[in-house]
């Protein structure tokens, strides 16, 4: 079902692009003015405008339908269910105090021992 709606969505997108490109530029966009041609006059503009609105409405409907389908497909499981692993349990570690062994703080003022890195 999702593939059918997706194909219809893509065809609507292509049709909407084609209809918008066929319309006459009324604001002088891209520097191209009016002129004659097959698509001129108010009647053709009204028909193309109506077709554009219909295609845009159908495009939005298929967008919403695809969103609902995707939400229904993923609502029954989480990412961890798809991976086949359980969620990691929260480990409680005792907080370490500064100066208690493996401190990352600089040495105190009276400590003149050389700093030797350790590979723990």
N, C-alpha and C. Protein backbone atom coordinates (compact mmCIF):
# COMPACT_ATOMS: atom_id res chain seq x y z
N UNK A 1 0.82 -1.20 0.00
CA UNK A 1 0.00 0.00 0.00
C UNK A 1 0.86 1.26 0.00
N UNK A 2 1.94 1.20 0.78
CA UNK A 2 2.82 2.35 0.86
C UNK A 2 3.48 2.65 -0.48
N UNK A 3 3.85 1.61 -1.20
CA UNK A 3 4.48 1.81 -2.51
C UNK A 3 3.52 2.44 -3.51
N UNK A 4 2.26 2.04 -3.46
CA UNK A 4 1.26 2.60 -4.38
C UNK A 4 1.07 4.09 -4.11
N UNK A 5 0.94 4.45 -2.85
CA UNK A 5 0.76 5.86 -2.49
C UNK A 5 2.01 6.65 -2.84
N UNK A 6 3.18 6.05 -2.67
CA UNK A 6 4.43 6.73 -3.01
C UNK A 6 4.54 6.98 -4.51
N UNK A 7 4.15 6.02 -5.32
CA UNK A 7 4.18 6.21 -6.78
C UNK A 7 3.21 7.30 -7.19
N UNK A 8 2.00 7.29 -6.62
CA UNK A 8 1.02 8.34 -6.92
C UNK A 8 1.57 9.70 -6.49
N UNK A 9 2.23 9.74 -5.35
CA UNK A 9 2.82 10.98 -4.84
C UNK A 9 3.87 11.52 -5.81
N UNK A 10 4.73 10.65 -6.31
CA UNK A 10 5.76 11.08 -7.25
C UNK A 10 5.16 11.55 -8.58
N UNK A 11 4.13 10.86 -9.06
CA UNK A 11 3.47 11.30 -10.30
C UNK A 11 2.78 12.65 -10.11
N UNK A 12 2.19 12.85 -8.96
CA UNK A 12 1.58 14.15 -8.67
C UNK A 12 2.63 15.25 -8.61
N UNK A 13 3.78 14.95 -8.05
CA UNK A 13 4.85 15.94 -7.98
C UNK A 13 5.32 16.34 -9.38
N UNK A 14 5.50 15.34 -10.24
CA UNK A 14 5.92 15.65 -11.61
C UNK A 14 4.86 16.43 -12.37
N UNK A 15 3.59 16.06 -12.20
CA UNK A 15 2.51 16.79 -12.86
C UNK A 15 2.41 18.22 -12.34
N UNK A 16 2.60 18.40 -11.05
CA UNK A 16 2.54 19.74 -10.46
C UNK A 16 3.68 20.60 -10.98
N UNK A 17 4.85 20.04 -11.12
CA UNK A 17 5.98 20.78 -11.69
C UNK A 17 5.67 21.19 -13.12
N UNK A 18 5.14 20.27 -13.90
CA UNK A 18 4.81 20.58 -15.30
C UNK A 18 3.76 21.67 -15.42
N UNK A 19 2.72 21.61 -14.61
CA UNK A 19 1.64 22.60 -14.69
C UNK A 19 2.14 23.97 -14.25
N UNK A 20 2.96 24.02 -13.23
CA UNK A 20 3.49 25.31 -12.77
C UNK A 20 4.40 25.91 -13.82
N UNK A 21 5.19 25.10 -14.48
CA UNK A 21 6.07 25.62 -15.51
C UNK A 21 5.31 26.09 -16.75
N UNK A 22 4.13 25.55 -17.00
CA UNK A 22 3.33 25.97 -18.15
C UNK A 22 2.63 27.31 -17.91
N UNK A 23 2.49 27.71 -16.67
CA UNK A 23 1.76 28.94 -16.38
C UNK A 23 2.56 30.16 -16.82
N UNK A 24 1.83 31.20 -17.11
CA UNK A 24 2.42 32.45 -17.57
C UNK A 24 2.97 33.21 -16.37
N UNK A 25 4.13 33.78 -16.53
CA UNK A 25 4.73 34.56 -15.47
C UNK A 25 4.08 35.93 -15.44
N UNK A 26 3.41 36.25 -14.33
CA UNK A 26 2.72 37.53 -14.25
C UNK A 26 3.54 38.58 -13.53
N UNK A 27 4.56 38.18 -12.79
CA UNK A 27 5.34 39.14 -12.04
C UNK A 27 6.64 39.49 -12.72
N UNK A 28 6.84 39.05 -13.91
CA UNK A 28 8.09 39.32 -14.60
C UNK A 28 9.25 38.54 -14.01
N UNK A 29 8.95 37.39 -13.44
CA UNK A 29 10.00 36.56 -12.85
C UNK A 29 10.97 36.10 -13.90
N UNK A 30 12.24 36.09 -13.57
CA UNK A 30 13.33 35.70 -14.46
C UNK A 30 13.44 36.60 -15.69
N UNK A 31 12.80 37.74 -15.66
CA UNK A 31 12.92 38.70 -16.74
C UNK A 31 12.15 38.33 -17.99
N UNK A 32 11.33 37.32 -17.94
CA UNK A 32 10.58 36.90 -19.13
C UNK A 32 9.16 37.41 -18.98
N UNK A 33 8.77 38.26 -19.85
CA UNK A 33 7.45 38.87 -19.78
C UNK A 33 6.40 37.99 -20.41
N UNK A 34 5.38 38.63 -20.89
CA UNK A 34 4.23 37.92 -21.45
C UNK A 34 4.52 37.36 -22.83
N UNK A 35 3.86 37.90 -23.79
CA UNK A 35 3.99 37.38 -25.14
C UNK A 35 2.84 36.46 -25.46
N UNK A 36 2.70 36.13 -26.70
CA UNK A 36 1.60 35.27 -27.13
C UNK A 36 1.94 33.82 -26.88
N UNK A 37 1.30 32.96 -27.61
CA UNK A 37 1.57 31.54 -27.48
C UNK A 37 0.29 30.76 -27.26
N UNK A 38 0.45 29.48 -27.10
CA UNK A 38 -0.70 28.61 -26.95
C UNK A 38 -1.39 28.83 -25.61
N UNK A 39 -0.64 29.18 -24.60
CA UNK A 39 -1.21 29.36 -23.28
C UNK A 39 -1.25 30.85 -22.98
N UNK A 40 -2.21 31.52 -23.52
CA UNK A 40 -2.35 32.94 -23.23
C UNK A 40 -3.82 33.25 -23.04
N UNK A 41 -4.08 34.35 -22.44
CA UNK A 41 -5.46 34.73 -22.18
C UNK A 41 -5.88 34.33 -20.78
N UNK A 42 -6.96 34.92 -20.34
CA UNK A 42 -7.42 34.71 -18.98
C UNK A 42 -8.04 33.33 -18.78
N UNK A 43 -8.69 32.77 -19.78
CA UNK A 43 -9.36 31.47 -19.64
C UNK A 43 -8.34 30.35 -19.41
N UNK A 44 -7.23 30.39 -20.13
CA UNK A 44 -6.21 29.37 -19.95
C UNK A 44 -5.55 29.51 -18.59
N UNK A 45 -5.34 30.73 -18.14
CA UNK A 45 -4.74 30.94 -16.84
C UNK A 45 -5.65 30.43 -15.73
N UNK A 46 -6.96 30.62 -15.89
CA UNK A 46 -7.90 30.14 -14.89
C UNK A 46 -7.90 28.61 -14.84
N UNK A 47 -7.87 27.96 -16.01
CA UNK A 47 -7.86 26.50 -16.06
C UNK A 47 -6.58 25.94 -15.44
N UNK A 48 -5.44 26.55 -15.78
CA UNK A 48 -4.19 26.07 -15.22
C UNK A 48 -4.11 26.32 -13.71
N UNK A 49 -4.69 27.43 -13.27
CA UNK A 49 -4.71 27.71 -11.84
C UNK A 49 -5.55 26.68 -11.10
N UNK A 50 -6.67 26.34 -11.67
CA UNK A 50 -7.55 25.34 -11.05
C UNK A 50 -6.86 23.97 -11.01
N UNK A 51 -6.21 23.58 -12.10
CA UNK A 51 -5.50 22.30 -12.13
C UNK A 51 -4.35 22.31 -11.11
N UNK A 52 -3.69 23.46 -10.98
CA UNK A 52 -2.60 23.56 -10.01
C UNK A 52 -3.11 23.36 -8.59
N UNK A 53 -4.24 23.98 -8.27
CA UNK A 53 -4.82 23.82 -6.94
C UNK A 53 -5.25 22.38 -6.68
N UNK A 54 -5.81 21.74 -7.67
CA UNK A 54 -6.24 20.34 -7.51
C UNK A 54 -5.03 19.43 -7.29
N UNK A 55 -3.99 19.62 -8.11
CA UNK A 55 -2.79 18.80 -7.95
C UNK A 55 -2.10 19.07 -6.61
N UNK A 56 -2.08 20.33 -6.18
CA UNK A 56 -1.46 20.66 -4.90
C UNK A 56 -2.23 20.02 -3.75
N UNK A 57 -3.55 20.05 -3.81
CA UNK A 57 -4.36 19.41 -2.77
C UNK A 57 -4.14 17.91 -2.73
N UNK A 58 -4.08 17.28 -3.90
CA UNK A 58 -3.82 15.84 -3.94
C UNK A 58 -2.43 15.51 -3.44
N UNK A 59 -1.46 16.37 -3.74
CA UNK A 59 -0.09 16.18 -3.27
C UNK A 59 -0.02 16.24 -1.75
N UNK A 60 -0.72 17.19 -1.16
CA UNK A 60 -0.75 17.31 0.30
C UNK A 60 -1.44 16.10 0.92
N UNK A 61 -2.52 15.63 0.31
CA UNK A 61 -3.23 14.45 0.83
C UNK A 61 -2.34 13.21 0.80
N UNK A 62 -1.61 13.02 -0.29
CA UNK A 62 -0.72 11.86 -0.34
C UNK A 62 0.44 12.01 0.63
N UNK A 63 0.89 13.25 0.87
CA UNK A 63 1.95 13.48 1.86
C UNK A 63 1.47 13.07 3.25
N UNK A 64 0.25 13.47 3.59
CA UNK A 64 -0.30 13.11 4.90
C UNK A 64 -0.52 11.60 4.99
N UNK A 65 -0.98 10.99 3.90
CA UNK A 65 -1.20 9.54 3.90
C UNK A 65 0.12 8.79 4.10
N UNK A 66 1.19 9.25 3.44
CA UNK A 66 2.49 8.61 3.62
C UNK A 66 3.00 8.77 5.05
N UNK A 67 2.74 9.92 5.65
CA UNK A 67 3.15 10.14 7.04
C UNK A 67 2.40 9.21 7.99
N UNK A 68 1.10 9.06 7.77
CA UNK A 68 0.30 8.18 8.62
C UNK A 68 0.73 6.72 8.45
N UNK A 69 0.98 6.30 7.23
CA UNK A 69 1.42 4.92 6.98
C UNK A 69 2.77 4.67 7.65
N UNK A 70 3.70 5.61 7.52
CA UNK A 70 5.02 5.43 8.14
C UNK A 70 4.91 5.41 9.66
N UNK A 71 4.03 6.23 10.23
CA UNK A 71 3.85 6.24 11.68
C UNK A 71 3.25 4.93 12.17
N UNK A 72 2.32 4.37 11.43
CA UNK A 72 1.70 3.09 11.81
C UNK A 72 2.70 1.94 11.72
N UNK A 73 3.58 2.00 10.72
CA UNK A 73 4.56 0.93 10.57
C UNK A 73 5.61 0.95 11.67
N UNK A 74 5.93 2.12 12.19
CA UNK A 74 6.98 2.20 13.19
C UNK A 74 6.46 2.31 14.62
N UNK A 75 5.16 2.42 14.82
CA UNK A 75 4.61 2.60 16.16
C UNK A 75 4.68 1.33 17.00
N UNK A 76 4.70 0.17 16.37
CA UNK A 76 4.66 -1.08 17.12
C UNK A 76 6.01 -1.50 17.66
N UNK A 77 7.08 -0.88 17.21
CA UNK A 77 8.39 -1.32 17.67
C UNK A 77 9.31 -0.11 17.82
N UNK A 78 10.33 -0.30 18.62
CA UNK A 78 11.32 0.74 18.79
C UNK A 78 12.58 0.36 18.04
N UNK A 79 13.55 1.22 18.07
CA UNK A 79 14.81 0.94 17.38
C UNK A 79 15.50 -0.26 18.02
N UNK A 80 15.43 -0.37 19.34
CA UNK A 80 16.08 -1.49 20.02
C UNK A 80 15.39 -2.82 19.67
N UNK A 81 14.07 -2.79 19.43
CA UNK A 81 13.38 -4.01 19.03
C UNK A 81 13.84 -4.47 17.65
N UNK A 82 14.10 -3.52 16.78
CA UNK A 82 14.55 -3.88 15.43
C UNK A 82 15.97 -4.41 15.44
N UNK A 83 16.79 -3.95 16.38
CA UNK A 83 18.17 -4.42 16.47
C UNK A 83 18.27 -5.78 17.14
N UNK A 84 17.28 -6.13 17.92
CA UNK A 84 17.31 -7.42 18.61
C UNK A 84 18.06 -7.37 19.91
N UNK A 85 18.37 -6.19 20.41
CA UNK A 85 19.05 -6.07 21.69
C UNK A 85 18.16 -5.32 22.66
N UNK A 86 18.45 -5.50 23.92
CA UNK A 86 17.67 -4.78 24.92
C UNK A 86 18.32 -3.44 25.21
N UNK A 87 17.57 -2.56 25.80
CA UNK A 87 18.08 -1.24 26.14
C UNK A 87 19.12 -1.38 27.24
N UNK A 88 20.18 -0.60 27.18
CA UNK A 88 21.22 -0.71 28.21
C UNK A 88 20.68 -0.26 29.56
N UNK A 89 21.01 -1.04 30.58
CA UNK A 89 20.57 -0.72 31.94
C UNK A 89 21.44 0.39 32.50
N UNK A 90 20.84 1.23 33.29
CA UNK A 90 21.59 2.33 33.89
C UNK A 90 22.47 1.78 34.99
N UNK A 91 23.76 2.00 34.87
CA UNK A 91 24.70 1.52 35.87
C UNK A 91 24.93 2.63 36.89
N UNK A 92 24.86 2.25 38.14
CA UNK A 92 25.09 3.22 39.20
C UNK A 92 26.54 3.09 39.65
N UNK A 93 27.31 4.12 39.41
CA UNK A 93 28.70 4.13 39.84
C UNK A 93 28.84 5.14 40.96
N UNK A 94 29.68 4.78 41.92
CA UNK A 94 29.91 5.69 43.04
C UNK A 94 30.72 6.87 42.54
N UNK A 95 30.33 8.07 42.91
CA UNK A 95 31.10 9.24 42.45
C UNK A 95 32.48 9.24 43.09
N UNK A 96 33.47 9.63 42.31
CA UNK A 96 34.83 9.68 42.82
C UNK A 96 35.13 11.09 43.31
N UNK A 97 35.87 11.14 44.40
CA UNK A 97 36.24 12.42 44.97
C UNK A 97 37.57 12.88 44.39
N UNK A 98 37.76 14.18 44.25
CA UNK A 98 39.06 14.65 43.77
C UNK A 98 40.16 14.28 44.75
N UNK A 99 41.30 13.88 44.21
CA UNK A 99 42.43 13.50 45.05
C UNK A 99 42.39 12.07 45.50
N UNK A 100 41.45 11.29 45.05
CA UNK A 100 41.33 9.89 45.46
C UNK A 100 41.86 8.98 44.37
N UNK A 101 43.18 8.97 44.18
CA UNK A 101 43.77 8.03 43.24
C UNK A 101 43.88 8.60 41.84
N UNK A 102 42.97 8.25 40.96
CA UNK A 102 43.04 8.61 39.55
C UNK A 102 42.42 9.98 39.31
N UNK A 103 43.04 10.98 39.79
CA UNK A 103 42.52 12.33 39.63
C UNK A 103 43.12 12.97 38.39
N UNK A 104 42.33 13.72 37.70
CA UNK A 104 42.79 14.43 36.52
C UNK A 104 43.18 15.87 36.86
N UNK A 105 43.16 16.18 38.14
CA UNK A 105 43.53 17.51 38.57
C UNK A 105 45.05 17.66 38.56
N UNK A 106 45.55 18.88 38.39
CA UNK A 106 47.01 19.07 38.44
C UNK A 106 47.54 18.81 39.84
N UNK A 107 48.83 18.51 39.95
CA UNK A 107 49.40 18.23 41.28
C UNK A 107 49.35 19.47 42.17
N UNK A 108 49.38 19.22 43.46
CA UNK A 108 49.33 20.33 44.40
C UNK A 108 50.66 21.09 44.38
N UNK A 109 50.73 22.20 45.10
CA UNK A 109 51.91 23.06 45.06
C UNK A 109 53.15 22.39 45.63
N UNK A 110 53.02 21.61 46.67
CA UNK A 110 54.18 21.01 47.32
C UNK A 110 54.62 19.71 46.68
N UNK A 111 53.90 19.20 45.72
CA UNK A 111 54.23 17.92 45.09
C UNK A 111 55.21 18.15 43.96
N UNK A 112 56.46 17.65 44.09
CA UNK A 112 57.49 17.84 43.07
C UNK A 112 57.79 16.55 42.32
N UNK A 113 56.99 15.52 42.50
CA UNK A 113 57.24 14.25 41.82
C UNK A 113 57.00 14.41 40.33
N UNK A 114 57.81 13.69 39.52
CA UNK A 114 57.61 13.80 38.08
C UNK A 114 56.27 13.18 37.67
N UNK A 115 55.69 13.76 36.63
CA UNK A 115 54.42 13.25 36.12
C UNK A 115 54.70 12.14 35.12
N UNK A 116 54.34 10.96 35.48
CA UNK A 116 54.56 9.78 34.62
C UNK A 116 53.20 9.25 34.20
N UNK A 117 52.96 9.14 32.90
CA UNK A 117 51.67 8.61 32.48
C UNK A 117 51.58 7.11 32.76
N UNK A 118 50.39 6.67 33.12
CA UNK A 118 50.15 5.27 33.39
C UNK A 118 49.17 4.72 32.37
N UNK A 119 49.35 3.48 32.01
CA UNK A 119 48.42 2.82 31.10
C UNK A 119 47.59 1.85 31.92
N UNK A 120 46.46 2.32 32.41
CA UNK A 120 45.61 1.46 33.24
C UNK A 120 44.72 0.61 32.38
